[in-house]
Amino acid sequence: MLVRASRYESFLSSAVLLERAAWHYRGHRFDRKFAFFIILSGIKYQTAGLEQHAVRCFRASKALYEDKKWVHIEDYVQAHLAKHLTQLGRFDEALSSYLHIVAAGRQSADRQGRFLREFMDLCVAQPAAVAALIEGQGEPIGRLLAQCGARRRASAHERRVHYALFD
């Protein structure tokens, strides 16, 4: 009933109704329906301009998709999280989401290249966030980037960004 009612409301009202429906499904242990409707509510919050609520919804769904075989959905959630966190100014968390996508290397070469470019551009624009990411990961970021670079040849732009960061 909440899902049907959400079709006739504004983006904000629709997002709230979808989120309530999602948590209802979660309470009854319908995890897939919960994840689907919580992502829908995150998209509606994004459309309404409420990035913080969109991040909350995408984070709630992220735990269900981690370590499952639905890798494209997991990457979709990580990509949206990275985009919203960047818009909110939480750059270290955004870099961590981008790093998760880039290190996994499950996308096509074009999409992987786009994610790597966005990651590297954010690294150049926010060096303090890179330092926070290095401290928080416990593993040198250079080794992770080297693993990503071993999967495909870096473009000239990516090499310039890498040299600007690490040399």
C-alpha atoms as a PDB file:
ATOM      1  CA  MET A   1       0.000   0.000   0.000  1.00  0.00           C
ATOM      2  CA  LEU A   2       2.847   2.423   0.812  1.00  0.00           C
ATOM      3  CA  VAL A   3       4.562   1.632  -2.483  1.00  0.00           C
ATOM      4  CA  ARG A   4       1.373   2.245  -4.468  1.00  0.00           C
ATOM      5  CA  ALA A   5       0.741   5.522  -2.647  1.00  0.00           C
ATOM      6  CA  SER A   6       4.285   6.694  -3.395  1.00  0.00           C
ATOM      7  CA  ARG A   7       3.494   6.905  -7.121  1.00  0.00           C
ATOM      8  CA  TYR A   8       1.154   9.865  -6.616  1.00  0.00           C
ATOM      9  CA  GLU A   9       3.256  11.976  -4.284  1.00  0.00           C
ATOM     10  CA  SER A  10       6.081  14.494  -4.639  1.00  0.00           C
ATOM     11  CA  PHE A  11       9.656  13.235  -4.674  1.00  0.00           C
ATOM     12  CA  LEU A  12      10.134  13.845  -0.957  1.00  0.00           C
ATOM     13  CA  SER A  13       6.856  12.234   0.080  1.00  0.00           C
ATOM     14  CA  SER A  14       7.507   9.362  -2.297  1.00  0.00           C
ATOM     15  CA  ALA A  15      10.979   8.836  -0.829  1.00  0.00           C
ATOM     16  CA  VAL A  16       9.620   8.752   2.717  1.00  0.00           C
ATOM     17  CA  LEU A  17       6.873   6.283   1.786  1.00  0.00           C
ATOM     18  CA  LEU A  18       9.304   4.015  -0.070  1.00  0.00           C
ATOM     19  CA  GLU A  19      11.719   4.109   2.849  1.00  0.00           C
ATOM     20  CA  ARG A  20       8.958   3.198   5.288  1.00  0.00           C
ATOM     21  CA  ALA A  21       7.932   0.308   3.012  1.00  0.00           C
ATOM     22  CA  ALA A  22      11.543  -0.835   2.843  1.00  0.00           C
ATOM     23  CA  TRP A  23      11.919  -0.905   6.622  1.00  0.00           C
ATOM     24  CA  HIS A  24       8.633  -2.762   6.874  1.00  0.00           C
ATOM     25  CA  TYR A  25      10.029  -5.427   4.533  1.00  0.00           C
ATOM     26  CA  ARG A  26      13.239  -5.531   6.571  1.00  0.00           C
ATOM     27  CA  GLY A  27      11.245  -6.179   9.742  1.00  0.00           C
ATOM     28  CA  HIS A  28       9.616  -9.179   8.089  1.00  0.00           C
ATOM     29  CA  ARG A  29      12.961 -10.466   6.808  1.00  0.00           C
ATOM     30  CA  PHE A  30      12.295  -9.788   3.119  1.00  0.00           C
ATOM     31  CA  ASP A  31      15.873  -8.653   2.541  1.00  0.00           C
ATOM     32  CA  ARG A  32      15.774  -8.395  -1.250  1.00  0.00           C
ATOM     33  CA  LYS A  33      12.608  -6.303  -1.208  1.00  0.00           C
ATOM     34  CA  PHE A  34      14.141  -4.146   1.511  1.00  0.00           C
ATOM     35  CA  ALA A  35      17.267  -3.540  -0.549  1.00  0.00           C
ATOM     36  CA  PHE A  36      15.274  -2.766  -3.697  1.00  0.00           C
ATOM     37  CA  PHE A  37      12.948  -0.259  -2.036  1.00  0.00           C
ATOM     38  CA  ILE A  38      15.646   1.394   0.054  1.00  0.00           C
ATOM     39  CA  ILE A  39      17.631   2.042  -3.145  1.00  0.00           C
ATOM     40  CA  LEU A  40      14.498   3.434  -4.787  1.00  0.00           C
ATOM     41  CA  SER A  41      13.984   5.754  -1.844  1.00  0.00           C
ATOM     42  CA  GLY A  42      17.629   6.845  -2.080  1.00  0.00           C
ATOM     43  CA  ILE A  43      17.107   7.748  -5.729  1.00  0.00           C
ATOM     44  CA  LYS A  44      13.963   9.718  -4.820  1.00  0.00           C
ATOM     45  CA  TYR A  45      15.843  11.555  -2.050  1.00  0.00           C
ATOM     46  CA  GLN A  46      18.566  12.372  -4.580  1.00  0.00           C
ATOM     47  CA  THR A  47      15.969  13.755  -6.983  1.00  0.00           C
ATOM     48  CA  ALA A  48      14.513  15.849  -4.160  1.00  0.00           C
ATOM     49  CA  GLY A  49      18.010  17.241  -3.453  1.00  0.00           C
ATOM     50  CA  LEU A  50      18.461  15.563  -0.078  1.00  0.00           C
ATOM     51  CA  GLU A  51      21.897  14.001  -0.508  1.00  0.00           C
ATOM     52  CA  GLN A  52      22.351  13.114   3.181  1.00  0.00           C
ATOM     53  CA  HIS A  53      19.225  10.970   3.161  1.00  0.00           C
ATOM     54  CA  ALA A  54      20.267   9.379  -0.145  1.00  0.00           C
ATOM     55  CA  VAL A  55      23.606   8.400   1.425  1.00  0.00           C
ATOM     56  CA  ARG A  56      21.795   6.892   4.409  1.00  0.00           C
ATOM     57  CA  CYS A  57      19.587   4.783   2.138  1.00  0.00           C
ATOM     58  CA  PHE A  58      22.441   3.584  -0.066  1.00  0.00           C
ATOM     59  CA  ARG A  59      24.500   2.673   2.995  1.00  0.00           C
ATOM     60  CA  ALA A  60      21.594   0.660   4.392  1.00  0.00           C
ATOM     61  CA  SER A  61      21.450  -1.402   1.200  1.00  0.00           C
ATOM     62  CA  LYS A  62      25.215  -1.770   0.895  1.00  0.00           C
ATOM     63  CA  ALA A  63      25.482  -4.289   3.716  1.00  0.00           C
ATOM     64  CA  LEU A  64      23.054  -6.660   1.998  1.00  0.00           C
ATOM     65  CA  TYR A  65      24.911  -6.675  -1.310  1.00  0.00           C
ATOM     66  CA  GLU A  66      28.456  -7.035   0.026  1.00  0.00           C
ATOM     67  CA  ASP A  67      30.025 -10.450  -0.516  1.00  0.00           C
ATOM     68  CA  LYS A  68      27.134 -11.612  -2.662  1.00  0.00           C
ATOM     69  CA  LYS A  69      27.172 -12.547  -6.320  1.00  0.00           C
ATOM     70  CA  TRP A  70      25.309  -9.399  -7.369  1.00  0.00           C
ATOM     71  CA  VAL A  71      28.471  -7.468  -8.122  1.00  0.00           C
ATOM     72  CA  HIS A  72      26.922  -4.982 -10.546  1.00  0.00           C
ATOM     73  CA  ILE A  73      24.401  -3.863  -7.948  1.00  0.00           C
ATOM     74  CA  GLU A  74      27.158  -3.587  -5.360  1.00  0.00           C
ATOM     75  CA  ASP A  75      29.198  -1.434  -7.759  1.00  0.00           C
ATOM     76  CA  TYR A  76      26.097   0.648  -8.547  1.00  0.00           C
ATOM     77  CA  VAL A  77      25.559   1.336  -4.853  1.00  0.00           C
ATOM     78  CA  GLN A  78      29.262   2.152  -4.323  1.00  0.00           C
ATOM     79  CA  ALA A  79      29.265   4.526  -7.329  1.00  0.00           C
ATOM     80  CA  HIS A  80      26.215   6.393  -6.071  1.00  0.00           C
ATOM     81  CA  LEU A  81      27.672   6.553  -2.580  1.00  0.00           C
ATOM     82  CA  ALA A  82      30.902   8.017  -3.952  1.00  0.00           C
ATOM     83  CA  LYS A  83      29.002  10.623  -5.967  1.00  0.00           C
ATOM     84  CA  HIS A  84      26.778  11.687  -3.062  1.00  0.00           C
ATOM     85  CA  LEU A  85      29.619  11.737  -0.543  1.00  0.00           C
ATOM     86  CA  THR A  86      31.645  13.951  -2.898  1.00  0.00           C
ATOM     87  CA  GLN A  87      28.736  16.371  -3.144  1.00  0.00           C
ATOM     88  CA  LEU A  88      28.454  16.418   0.648  1.00  0.00           C
ATOM     89  CA  GLY A  89      32.176  17.183   1.023  1.00  0.00           C
ATOM     90  CA  ARG A  90      33.026  13.877   2.712  1.00  0.00           C
ATOM     91  CA  PHE A  91      35.943  13.216   0.408  1.00  0.00           C
ATOM     92  CA  ASP A  92      37.758  10.491   2.365  1.00  0.00           C
ATOM     93  CA  GLU A  93      34.627   8.327   2.386  1.00  0.00           C
ATOM     94  CA  ALA A  94      34.036   9.056  -1.310  1.00  0.00           C
ATOM     95  CA  LEU A  95      37.601   8.013  -2.126  1.00  0.00           C
ATOM     96  CA  SER A  96      37.076   4.793  -0.207  1.00  0.00           C
ATOM     97  CA  SER A  97      33.952   4.020  -2.270  1.00  0.00           C
ATOM     98  CA  TYR A  98      35.755   4.799  -5.531  1.00  0.00           C
ATOM     99  CA  LEU A  99      38.696   2.665  -4.415  1.00  0.00           C
ATOM    100  CA  HIS A 100      36.359  -0.242  -3.747  1.00  0.00           C
ATOM    101  CA  ILE A 101      35.042  -0.067  -7.324  1.00  0.00           C
ATOM    102  CA  VAL A 102      38.434   0.476  -8.961  1.00  0.00           C
ATOM    103  CA  ALA A 103      40.211  -2.244  -6.990  1.00  0.00           C
ATOM    104  CA  ALA A 104      37.509  -4.801  -7.785  1.00  0.00           C
ATOM    105  CA  GLY A 105      37.913  -4.268 -11.540  1.00  0.00           C
ATOM    106  CA  ARG A 106      34.579  -5.876 -12.414  1.00  0.00           C
ATOM    107  CA  GLN A 107      33.358  -3.237 -14.866  1.00  0.00           C
ATOM    108  CA  SER A 108      33.907  -2.895 -18.586  1.00  0.00           C
ATOM    109  CA  ALA A 109      37.060  -1.063 -19.636  1.00  0.00           C
ATOM    110  CA  ASP A 110      35.144   2.148 -20.403  1.00  0.00           C
ATOM    111  CA  ARG A 111      33.298   2.241 -17.090  1.00  0.00           C
ATOM    112  CA  GLN A 112      36.395   1.218 -15.153  1.00  0.00           C
ATOM    113  CA  GLY A 113      38.328   4.002 -16.871  1.00  0.00           C
ATOM    114  CA  ARG A 114      35.620   6.515 -15.950  1.00  0.00           C
ATOM    115  CA  PHE A 115      35.669   5.426 -12.298  1.00  0.00           C
ATOM    116  CA  LEU A 116      39.464   5.546 -12.241  1.00  0.00           C
ATOM    117  CA  ARG A 117      39.444   9.056 -13.751  1.00  0.00           C
ATOM    118  CA  GLU A 118      36.909  10.262 -11.171  1.00  0.00           C
ATOM    119  CA  PHE A 119      38.974   8.668  -8.412  1.00  0.00           C
ATOM    120  CA  MET A 120      42.223  10.238  -9.629  1.00  0.00           C
ATOM    121  CA  ASP A 121      40.609  13.660 -10.168  1.00  0.00           C
ATOM    122  CA  LEU A 122      39.288  13.565  -6.618  1.00  0.00           C
ATOM    123  CA  CYS A 123      42.754  12.549  -5.376  1.00  0.00           C
ATOM    124  CA  VAL A 124      44.305  15.578  -7.074  1.00  0.00           C
ATOM    125  CA  ALA A 125      41.593  17.951  -5.856  1.00  0.00           C
ATOM    126  CA  GLN A 126      41.628  16.692  -2.244  1.00  0.00           C
ATOM    127  CA  PRO A 127      45.126  15.630  -1.115  1.00  0.00           C
ATOM    128  CA  ALA A 128      44.097  15.789   2.554  1.00  0.00           C
ATOM    129  CA  ALA A 129      41.398  13.196   1.888  1.00  0.00           C
ATOM    130  CA  VAL A 130      44.025  10.957   0.254  1.00  0.00           C
ATOM    131  CA  ALA A 131      46.144  11.173   3.405  1.00  0.00           C
ATOM    132  CA  ALA A 132      43.110  10.272   5.541  1.00  0.00           C
ATOM    133  CA  LEU A 133      42.359   7.337   3.247  1.00  0.00           C
ATOM    134  CA  ILE A 134      45.928   6.054   3.469  1.00  0.00           C
ATOM    135  CA  GLU A 135      45.806   6.201   7.268  1.00  0.00           C
ATOM    136  CA  GLY A 136      42.386   4.545   7.427  1.00  0.00           C
ATOM    137  CA  GLN A 137      43.054   1.711   4.988  1.00  0.00           C
ATOM    138  CA  GLY A 138      46.138   0.358   6.720  1.00  0.00           C
ATOM    139  CA  GLU A 139      47.415  -0.758   3.311  1.00  0.00           C
ATOM    140  CA  PRO A 140      49.408   1.566   1.069  1.00  0.00           C
ATOM    141  CA  ILE A 141      47.214   3.109  -1.577  1.00  0.00           C
ATOM    142  CA  GLY A 142      50.030   2.874  -4.111  1.00  0.00           C
ATOM    143  CA  ARG A 143      49.905  -0.929  -4.026  1.00  0.00           C
ATOM    144  CA  LEU A 144      46.147  -0.909  -4.609  1.00  0.00           C
ATOM    145  CA  LEU A 145      46.533   1.519  -7.492  1.00  0.00           C
ATOM    146  CA  ALA A 146      49.317  -0.643  -8.917  1.00  0.00           C
ATOM    147  CA  GLN A 147      46.976  -3.648  -8.848  1.00  0.00           C
ATOM    148  CA  CYS A 148      44.356  -1.617 -10.712  1.00  0.00           C
ATOM    149  CA  GLY A 149      46.920  -0.382 -13.220  1.00  0.00           C
ATOM    150  CA  ALA A 150      48.135  -3.919 -13.884  1.00  0.00           C
ATOM    151  CA  ARG A 151      44.708  -4.793 -15.257  1.00  0.00           C
ATOM    152  CA  ARG A 152      44.903  -2.209 -18.021  1.00  0.00           C
ATOM    153  CA  ARG A 153      47.284   0.404 -19.395  1.00  0.00           C
ATOM    154  CA  ALA A 154      46.952   3.829 -17.792  1.00  0.00           C
ATOM    155  CA  SER A 155      46.102   6.797 -19.984  1.00  0.00           C
ATOM    156  CA  ALA A 156      48.346   9.846 -20.200  1.00  0.00           C
ATOM    157  CA  HIS A 157      45.944  11.790 -17.960  1.00  0.00           C
ATOM    158  CA  GLU A 158      46.056   9.085 -15.281  1.00  0.00           C
ATOM    159  CA  ARG A 159      49.875   8.974 -15.397  1.00  0.00           C
ATOM    160  CA  ARG A 160      50.045  12.772 -14.942  1.00  0.00           C
ATOM    161  CA  VAL A 161      47.678  12.560 -11.953  1.00  0.00           C
ATOM    162  CA  HIS A 162      49.655   9.667 -10.465  1.00  0.00           C
ATOM    163  CA  TYR A 163      52.944  11.573 -10.780  1.00  0.00           C
ATOM    164  CA  ALA A 164      51.359  14.681  -9.272  1.00  0.00           C
ATOM    165  CA  LEU A 165      50.203  12.647  -6.269  1.00  0.00           C
ATOM    166  CA  PHE A 166      53.059  10.300  -5.554  1.00  0.00           C
ATOM    167  CA  ASP A 167      56.211  12.017  -6.806  1.00  0.00           C
END
